[in-house]
């Protein structure tokens, strides 16, 4: 148990590391969580599971170990790794029941959830931190997605379009942003171009490889000699850095703030593939 604790510690946050070292039953707790994780994804790599648990562990989990759902964390990780067994189990035990409960068996909702959870710049399953059962967490995600489908049905076919025009069609569906349409398109394209050019070569290469070439996390990991979870983390950091820089420029150039700016950035961030396709010429 001490060996497993030693393997987990380097991946934890400083406060969690300190609390674990001071906890009299830390070894037993870690052993229990890792056993749950192995049951959640039996084919998972032990090192990878240990790293993921360490990243998500909180001091609250040390106070109430049952509040950290390590088995569900492992199942989510298996799905992100495209493990067939994990995906089958997720469909049967989590996604299927949730869609039947929340969406009354709506096939379109199920497909939308699969896409949001498992593909793109930031698969939504990366957000699952194990602080609630996976099924309960997914039910909340499904309710929000169902509300979005009802509120904005005209946006459901955008995935087949490409380039800046498709992104712009999304942007101008927001009433507040339409009011500044005359200036906003040029400012958006300039902000995207300038901030992308100012990023590090590593960030640009990662974003372009994943969103333009469609290279999955696992393949990028092989190219870079890094675990898939690490590549996903790098991509998310690059995404956040890009959007933060775009936010600053749009605020300066258009005076946008509050809900309008958040709406614009949310649309850009959710369709990062379109943003990059529109900038290929640069």
Protein backbone atom coordinates (compact mmCIF):
# COMPACT_ATOMS: atom_id res chain seq x y z
CA UNK A 1 0.00 0.00 0.00
CA UNK A 2 2.83 2.36 0.77
CA UNK A 3 4.21 1.82 -2.74
CA UNK A 4 0.86 2.71 -4.31
CA UNK A 5 0.63 5.81 -2.18
CA UNK A 6 4.12 6.84 -3.27
CA UNK A 7 3.10 6.42 -6.92
CA UNK A 8 -0.03 8.52 -6.45
CA UNK A 9 1.49 11.44 -4.53
CA UNK A 10 3.39 13.12 -7.41
CA UNK A 11 0.12 13.56 -9.34
CA UNK A 12 -1.82 15.26 -6.54
CA UNK A 13 -2.28 18.94 -5.78
CA UNK A 14 0.03 20.33 -3.04
CA UNK A 15 -2.75 20.57 -0.43
CA UNK A 16 -3.88 17.02 -1.12
CA UNK A 17 -0.31 15.73 -0.98
CA UNK A 18 0.21 17.32 2.42
CA UNK A 19 -3.08 15.92 3.73
CA UNK A 20 -2.29 12.43 2.45
CA UNK A 21 1.11 12.41 4.10
CA UNK A 22 -0.49 13.38 7.40
CA UNK A 23 -3.41 10.94 7.14
CA UNK A 24 -2.96 7.85 9.28
CA UNK A 25 -4.93 5.62 6.87
CA UNK A 26 -3.73 7.15 3.60
CA UNK A 27 -2.33 3.88 2.26
CA UNK A 28 -5.58 2.02 2.87
CA UNK A 29 -7.62 4.79 1.28
CA UNK A 30 -5.47 4.83 -1.84
CA UNK A 31 -5.56 1.04 -2.03
CA UNK A 32 -9.36 1.11 -1.87
CA UNK A 33 -9.71 3.76 -4.55
CA UNK A 34 -7.33 1.95 -6.87
CA UNK A 35 -9.27 -1.28 -6.38
CA UNK A 36 -12.46 0.57 -7.34
CA UNK A 37 -10.69 2.02 -10.36
CA UNK A 38 -9.53 -1.40 -11.53
CA UNK A 39 -13.11 -2.66 -11.22
CA UNK A 40 -14.39 0.37 -13.16
CA UNK A 41 -11.96 -0.23 -16.03
CA UNK A 42 -10.51 -3.73 -15.71
CA UNK A 43 -8.32 -3.38 -18.81
CA UNK A 44 -6.92 0.00 -17.79
CA UNK A 45 -3.22 0.62 -17.30
CA UNK A 46 -2.42 0.83 -13.58
CA UNK A 47 -0.04 3.76 -14.04
CA UNK A 48 -2.58 5.71 -16.06
CA UNK A 49 -5.32 5.06 -13.52
CA UNK A 50 -3.08 6.15 -10.66
CA UNK A 51 -2.19 9.37 -12.46
CA UNK A 52 -5.85 10.22 -13.16
CA UNK A 53 -6.97 9.52 -9.61
CA UNK A 54 -4.16 11.67 -8.25
CA UNK A 55 -5.12 14.57 -10.51
CA UNK A 56 -8.74 14.50 -9.35
CA UNK A 57 -8.28 13.73 -5.67
CA UNK A 58 -9.40 16.43 -3.22
CA UNK A 59 -8.99 16.96 0.49
CA UNK A 60 -12.78 16.48 0.81
CA UNK A 61 -12.34 12.90 -0.39
CA UNK A 62 -9.97 12.23 2.50
CA UNK A 63 -12.66 13.35 4.93
CA UNK A 64 -15.33 11.25 3.22
CA UNK A 65 -13.73 8.56 1.04
CA UNK A 66 -17.10 7.37 -0.28
CA UNK A 67 -17.65 10.77 -1.91
CA UNK A 68 -14.88 10.05 -4.45
CA UNK A 69 -16.22 7.70 -7.12
CA UNK A 70 -12.99 6.17 -8.32
CA UNK A 71 -14.66 3.39 -10.30
CA UNK A 72 -16.64 5.91 -12.33
CA UNK A 73 -13.51 8.01 -12.88
CA UNK A 74 -11.81 4.93 -14.31
CA UNK A 75 -14.77 4.07 -16.55
CA UNK A 76 -14.78 7.64 -17.91
CA UNK A 77 -11.05 7.42 -18.56
CA UNK A 78 -11.52 4.12 -20.40
CA UNK A 79 -14.13 5.76 -22.62
CA UNK A 80 -11.82 8.70 -23.35
CA UNK A 81 -9.17 6.15 -24.32
CA UNK A 82 -11.70 4.59 -26.72
CA UNK A 83 -11.53 1.23 -24.95
CA UNK A 84 -14.28 -0.90 -26.48
CA UNK A 85 -15.17 -2.67 -23.26
CA UNK A 86 -15.46 0.61 -21.37
CA UNK A 87 -17.55 2.18 -24.15
CA UNK A 88 -19.94 -0.78 -24.23
CA UNK A 89 -20.37 -0.64 -20.47
CA UNK A 90 -20.84 3.13 -20.52
CA UNK A 91 -23.57 2.84 -23.17
CA UNK A 92 -25.36 0.04 -21.35
CA UNK A 93 -25.07 1.19 -17.74
CA UNK A 94 -24.81 4.99 -17.92
CA UNK A 95 -25.72 6.66 -21.21
CA UNK A 96 -28.63 4.40 -22.14
CA UNK A 97 -30.47 4.70 -18.80
CA UNK A 98 -29.89 8.47 -18.66
CA UNK A 99 -31.22 9.06 -22.19
CA UNK A 100 -34.27 6.92 -21.44
CA UNK A 101 -34.90 8.87 -18.24
CA UNK A 102 -34.12 12.41 -19.40
CA UNK A 103 -34.80 12.28 -23.13
CA UNK A 104 -37.39 9.50 -23.29
CA UNK A 105 -35.12 7.48 -25.54
CA UNK A 106 -34.34 10.31 -27.99
CA UNK A 107 -31.69 8.91 -30.38
CA UNK A 108 -30.54 12.38 -31.40
CA UNK A 109 -29.91 13.32 -27.78
CA UNK A 110 -27.90 10.13 -27.32
CA UNK A 111 -25.75 10.91 -30.36
CA UNK A 112 -25.22 14.54 -29.32
CA UNK A 113 -24.13 13.39 -25.89
CA UNK A 114 -21.69 10.84 -27.33
CA UNK A 115 -20.11 13.55 -29.47
CA UNK A 116 -19.83 16.09 -26.66
CA UNK A 117 -18.57 13.54 -24.17
CA UNK A 118 -16.00 11.78 -26.31
CA UNK A 119 -14.77 13.93 -29.21
CA UNK A 120 -13.52 17.42 -29.93
CA UNK A 121 -10.96 19.72 -28.39
CA UNK A 122 -12.22 19.08 -24.93
CA UNK A 123 -14.34 15.94 -24.58
CA UNK A 124 -16.88 16.68 -21.88
CA UNK A 125 -15.95 13.53 -19.98
CA UNK A 126 -12.67 15.23 -19.08
CA UNK A 127 -14.74 17.43 -16.77
CA UNK A 128 -16.00 14.48 -14.75
CA UNK A 129 -14.10 14.60 -11.47
CA UNK A 130 -15.71 11.73 -9.59
CA UNK A 131 -17.39 13.92 -6.95
CA UNK A 132 -20.78 12.46 -7.81
CA UNK A 133 -21.82 9.19 -9.46
CA UNK A 134 -21.23 9.27 -13.21
CA UNK A 135 -24.88 8.58 -13.97
CA UNK A 136 -26.05 11.53 -11.84
CA UNK A 137 -23.46 13.83 -13.42
CA UNK A 138 -24.46 12.76 -16.92
CA UNK A 139 -28.15 13.34 -16.16
CA UNK A 140 -27.36 17.01 -15.48
CA UNK A 141 -25.34 17.27 -18.70
CA UNK A 142 -28.19 15.61 -20.62
CA UNK A 143 -30.79 18.02 -19.23
CA UNK A 144 -28.71 21.01 -20.32
CA UNK A 145 -28.15 19.49 -23.77
CA UNK A 146 -31.85 18.76 -24.17
CA UNK A 147 -32.67 22.35 -23.24
CA UNK A 148 -30.17 23.59 -25.84
CA UNK A 149 -31.75 21.39 -28.50
CA UNK A 150 -35.18 22.83 -27.77
CA UNK A 151 -33.96 26.41 -27.53
CA UNK A 152 -31.81 26.53 -30.67
CA UNK A 153 -32.94 23.90 -33.20
CA UNK A 154 -31.57 25.97 -36.09
CA UNK A 155 -28.02 25.34 -34.88
CA UNK A 156 -28.27 21.57 -35.10
CA UNK A 157 -27.11 21.23 -38.72
CA UNK A 158 -24.03 23.47 -38.50
CA UNK A 159 -21.67 20.52 -38.18
CA UNK A 160 -21.86 19.86 -41.91
CA UNK A 161 -20.64 23.35 -42.85
CA UNK A 162 -17.04 24.52 -42.83
CA UNK A 163 -15.02 27.64 -42.34
CA UNK A 164 -15.54 31.11 -40.98
CA UNK A 165 -19.04 31.54 -42.45
CA UNK A 166 -20.40 28.59 -40.45
CA UNK A 167 -18.84 29.98 -37.29
CA UNK A 168 -20.22 33.42 -38.07
CA UNK A 169 -23.73 32.04 -38.58
CA UNK A 170 -23.53 30.72 -35.04
CA UNK A 171 -22.19 33.98 -33.67
CA UNK A 172 -24.91 36.17 -35.18
CA UNK A 173 -27.68 33.96 -33.83
CA UNK A 174 -27.12 35.84 -30.57
CA UNK A 175 -29.31 39.03 -30.53
CA UNK A 176 -26.80 41.09 -28.58
CA UNK A 177 -23.97 40.15 -30.92
CA UNK A 178 -26.07 40.86 -33.99
CA UNK A 179 -26.28 44.47 -32.84
CA UNK A 180 -22.52 44.85 -33.41
CA UNK A 181 -22.46 42.66 -36.52
CA UNK A 182 -20.96 45.35 -38.75
CA UNK A 183 -17.73 45.46 -36.76
CA UNK A 184 -17.70 42.17 -34.93
CA UNK A 185 -16.89 39.81 -37.81
CA UNK A 186 -13.70 41.60 -38.79
CA UNK A 187 -12.71 41.97 -35.14
CA UNK A 188 -13.34 38.28 -34.48
CA UNK A 189 -11.30 37.12 -37.46
CA UNK A 190 -8.47 39.52 -36.57
CA UNK A 191 -8.47 38.42 -32.93
CA UNK A 192 -8.41 34.74 -33.87
CA UNK A 193 -5.61 35.28 -36.38
CA UNK A 194 -3.42 37.54 -34.23
CA UNK A 195 -3.71 35.46 -31.08
CA UNK A 196 -3.07 32.18 -32.88
CA UNK A 197 0.06 33.66 -34.47
CA UNK A 198 1.29 34.78 -31.04
CA UNK A 199 0.93 31.31 -29.51
CA UNK A 200 3.85 28.97 -29.05
CA UNK A 201 4.67 26.63 -31.93
CA UNK A 202 3.76 23.66 -29.74
CA UNK A 203 0.28 25.04 -29.01
CA UNK A 204 -0.38 25.88 -32.66
CA UNK A 205 0.79 22.47 -33.84
CA UNK A 206 -1.37 20.67 -31.30
CA UNK A 207 -4.50 22.64 -32.14
CA UNK A 208 -4.05 22.32 -35.88
CA UNK A 209 -3.20 18.61 -35.77
CA UNK A 210 -6.22 17.77 -33.65
CA UNK A 211 -8.83 20.12 -35.15
CA UNK A 212 -7.73 20.40 -38.77
CA UNK A 213 -6.13 17.03 -39.43
CA UNK A 214 -8.42 15.17 -37.05
CA UNK A 215 -5.53 13.42 -35.31
CA UNK A 216 -6.94 11.77 -32.14
CA UNK A 217 -5.37 12.20 -28.73
CA UNK A 218 -3.94 8.69 -28.74
CA UNK A 219 -2.13 9.16 -32.05
CA UNK A 220 -0.80 12.54 -30.95
CA UNK A 221 0.48 10.85 -27.82
CA UNK A 222 2.41 8.33 -29.91
CA UNK A 223 3.93 11.12 -31.98
CA UNK A 224 4.97 13.09 -28.92
CA UNK A 225 5.87 10.19 -26.65
CA UNK A 226 3.29 11.18 -24.04
CA UNK A 227 0.21 9.51 -22.51
CA UNK A 228 -3.16 10.32 -24.09
CA UNK A 229 -4.36 12.03 -20.91
CA UNK A 230 -1.31 14.31 -20.96
CA UNK A 231 -1.94 15.26 -24.60
CA UNK A 232 -5.58 16.01 -23.77
CA UNK A 233 -4.37 18.23 -20.92
CA UNK A 234 -1.95 20.05 -23.25
CA UNK A 235 -4.72 20.62 -25.78
CA UNK A 236 -7.07 21.98 -23.16
CA UNK A 237 -4.40 24.35 -21.87
CA UNK A 238 -3.71 25.56 -25.42
CA UNK A 239 -7.43 26.05 -26.00
CA UNK A 240 -7.84 28.06 -22.81
CA UNK A 241 -4.81 30.22 -23.58
CA UNK A 242 -6.12 30.97 -27.06
CA UNK A 243 -9.63 31.87 -25.91
CA UNK A 244 -8.28 34.03 -23.07
CA UNK A 245 -6.18 36.01 -25.54
CA UNK A 246 -9.14 36.34 -27.93
CA UNK A 247 -11.28 37.61 -25.05
CA UNK A 248 -8.81 40.39 -24.26
CA UNK A 249 -8.65 41.52 -27.90
CA UNK A 250 -12.42 41.50 -28.42
CA UNK A 251 -12.93 43.49 -25.24
CA UNK A 252 -10.41 46.08 -26.43
CA UNK A 253 -11.64 46.28 -30.04
CA UNK A 254 -15.41 46.03 -29.59
CA UNK A 255 -15.96 46.99 -25.97
CA UNK A 256 -17.84 43.72 -25.51
CA UNK A 257 -18.22 42.52 -21.97
CA UNK A 258 -20.44 40.37 -19.81
CA UNK A 259 -22.97 38.05 -21.45
CA UNK A 260 -22.25 39.16 -25.03
CA UNK A 261 -18.54 38.40 -24.75
CA UNK A 262 -19.16 35.15 -22.90
CA UNK A 263 -21.67 34.11 -25.56
CA UNK A 264 -19.24 34.82 -28.38
CA UNK A 265 -16.37 32.98 -26.70
CA UNK A 266 -18.62 30.06 -25.83
CA UNK A 267 -19.60 29.64 -29.47
CA UNK A 268 -16.02 29.98 -30.69
CA UNK A 269 -14.74 27.54 -28.08
CA UNK A 270 -17.45 24.99 -28.75
CA UNK A 271 -16.61 24.97 -32.47
CA UNK A 272 -12.86 25.34 -32.40
CA UNK A 273 -12.68 23.24 -35.55
CA UNK A 274 -14.60 25.91 -37.47
CA UNK A 275 -12.43 28.67 -36.02
CA UNK A 276 -9.28 26.96 -37.28
CA UNK A 277 -10.77 26.03 -40.64
CA UNK A 278 -11.59 29.68 -41.19
CA UNK A 279 -7.97 30.60 -40.51
CA UNK A 280 -6.30 28.04 -42.80
CA UNK A 281 -5.55 30.75 -45.29
CA UNK A 282 -3.35 32.45 -42.61
